[in-house]
Protein backbone atom coordinates (compact mmCIF):
# COMPACT_ATOMS: atom_id res chain seq x y z
CA UNK A 1 23.62 9.59 15.40
CA UNK A 2 20.22 11.17 15.79
CA UNK A 3 19.97 14.66 14.35
CA UNK A 4 16.98 16.86 13.48
CA UNK A 5 17.86 16.50 9.79
CA UNK A 6 17.92 12.71 10.18
CA UNK A 7 14.46 12.85 11.80
CA UNK A 8 13.11 14.94 8.93
CA UNK A 9 14.49 12.53 6.34
CA UNK A 10 13.05 9.57 8.25
CA UNK A 11 9.58 11.08 8.45
CA UNK A 12 9.71 12.23 4.85
CA UNK A 13 10.49 8.64 3.80
CA UNK A 14 7.71 7.35 6.07
CA UNK A 15 5.13 9.79 4.70
CA UNK A 16 6.16 9.06 1.12
CA UNK A 17 5.66 5.34 1.74
CA UNK A 18 2.26 5.91 3.38
CA UNK A 19 1.15 8.14 0.50
CA UNK A 20 2.23 5.59 -2.11
CA UNK A 21 0.43 2.76 -0.29
CA UNK A 22 -2.75 4.82 0.03
CA UNK A 23 -2.56 5.80 -3.63
CA UNK A 24 -2.29 2.16 -4.72
CA UNK A 25 -5.18 1.19 -2.45
CA UNK A 26 -7.31 4.07 -3.77
CA UNK A 27 -6.63 3.15 -7.39
CA UNK A 28 -7.50 -0.50 -6.78
CA UNK A 29 -10.54 0.04 -4.57
CA UNK A 30 -12.13 3.14 -6.07
CA UNK A 31 -10.60 3.11 -9.54
CA UNK A 32 -11.04 -0.56 -10.37
CA UNK A 33 -14.18 -1.07 -8.27
CA UNK A 34 -16.08 2.08 -9.31
CA UNK A 35 -14.53 4.20 -12.06
CA UNK A 36 -13.30 1.50 -14.45
CA UNK A 37 -15.87 -1.16 -13.57
CA UNK A 38 -17.51 -1.18 -17.01
CA UNK A 39 -14.21 -1.77 -18.81
CA UNK A 40 -13.13 -4.43 -16.29
CA UNK A 41 -16.47 -6.24 -16.43
CA UNK A 42 -15.60 -7.40 -19.94
CA UNK A 43 -13.29 -9.95 -18.27
CA UNK A 44 -14.10 -12.67 -15.77
CA UNK A 45 -12.16 -14.19 -12.89
CA UNK A 46 -13.53 -17.25 -11.12
CA UNK A 47 -16.85 -16.86 -12.92
CA UNK A 48 -17.35 -13.27 -11.72
CA UNK A 49 -16.94 -10.08 -13.65
CA UNK A 50 -13.56 -8.51 -12.93
CA UNK A 51 -15.02 -5.14 -11.89
CA UNK A 52 -17.26 -6.86 -9.35
CA UNK A 53 -14.33 -8.96 -8.12
CA UNK A 54 -12.20 -5.86 -7.52
CA UNK A 55 -15.03 -4.15 -5.67
CA UNK A 56 -15.69 -7.17 -3.44
CA UNK A 57 -12.35 -8.95 -3.06
CA UNK A 58 -9.54 -7.20 -4.92
CA UNK A 59 -9.39 -4.13 -2.71
CA UNK A 60 -9.29 -6.30 0.43
CA UNK A 61 -6.49 -8.48 -0.95
CA UNK A 62 -4.60 -5.39 -2.05
CA UNK A 63 -4.99 -3.86 1.42
CA UNK A 64 -3.58 -7.01 3.06
CA UNK A 65 -0.64 -7.10 0.66
CA UNK A 66 0.01 -3.40 1.34
CA UNK A 67 0.11 -4.03 5.09
CA UNK A 68 2.91 -6.57 4.69
CA UNK A 69 4.67 -4.39 2.11
CA UNK A 70 4.50 -1.40 4.47
CA UNK A 71 5.93 -3.41 7.38
CA UNK A 72 8.76 -4.73 5.18
CA UNK A 73 9.65 -1.28 3.79
CA UNK A 74 9.40 0.41 7.21
CA UNK A 75 11.88 -2.12 8.61
CA UNK A 76 14.26 -1.14 5.80
CA UNK A 77 13.69 2.59 6.44
CA UNK A 78 14.12 2.09 10.20
CA UNK A 79 17.44 0.35 9.61
CA UNK A 80 18.59 3.03 7.17
CA UNK A 81 17.97 5.82 9.67
CA UNK A 82 19.02 3.87 12.78
CA UNK A 83 15.66 3.73 14.51
CA UNK A 84 14.99 0.00 14.28
CA UNK A 85 13.54 -1.87 17.23
CA UNK A 86 16.09 -3.34 19.65
CA UNK A 87 16.51 -6.94 20.72
CA UNK A 88 15.75 -6.14 24.37
């Protein structure tokens, strides 16, 4: 049954998920690629310094993983609150 309280809980869960995904992406892209680059550059991955790798590749890979994670979690949230897509 669709109630205003159910809608609020659904959107609260959705916004919480979006915020968490954006936070992870920010930490990986800005934190690892800019703020902590000197500490990460002490290590190498594939012949490149880790800070450089995060700035060039790591944030993109993280973003792609977060897209799939978001879709998976939203399907779970949709099912929980009864707003999943139908099999039309």
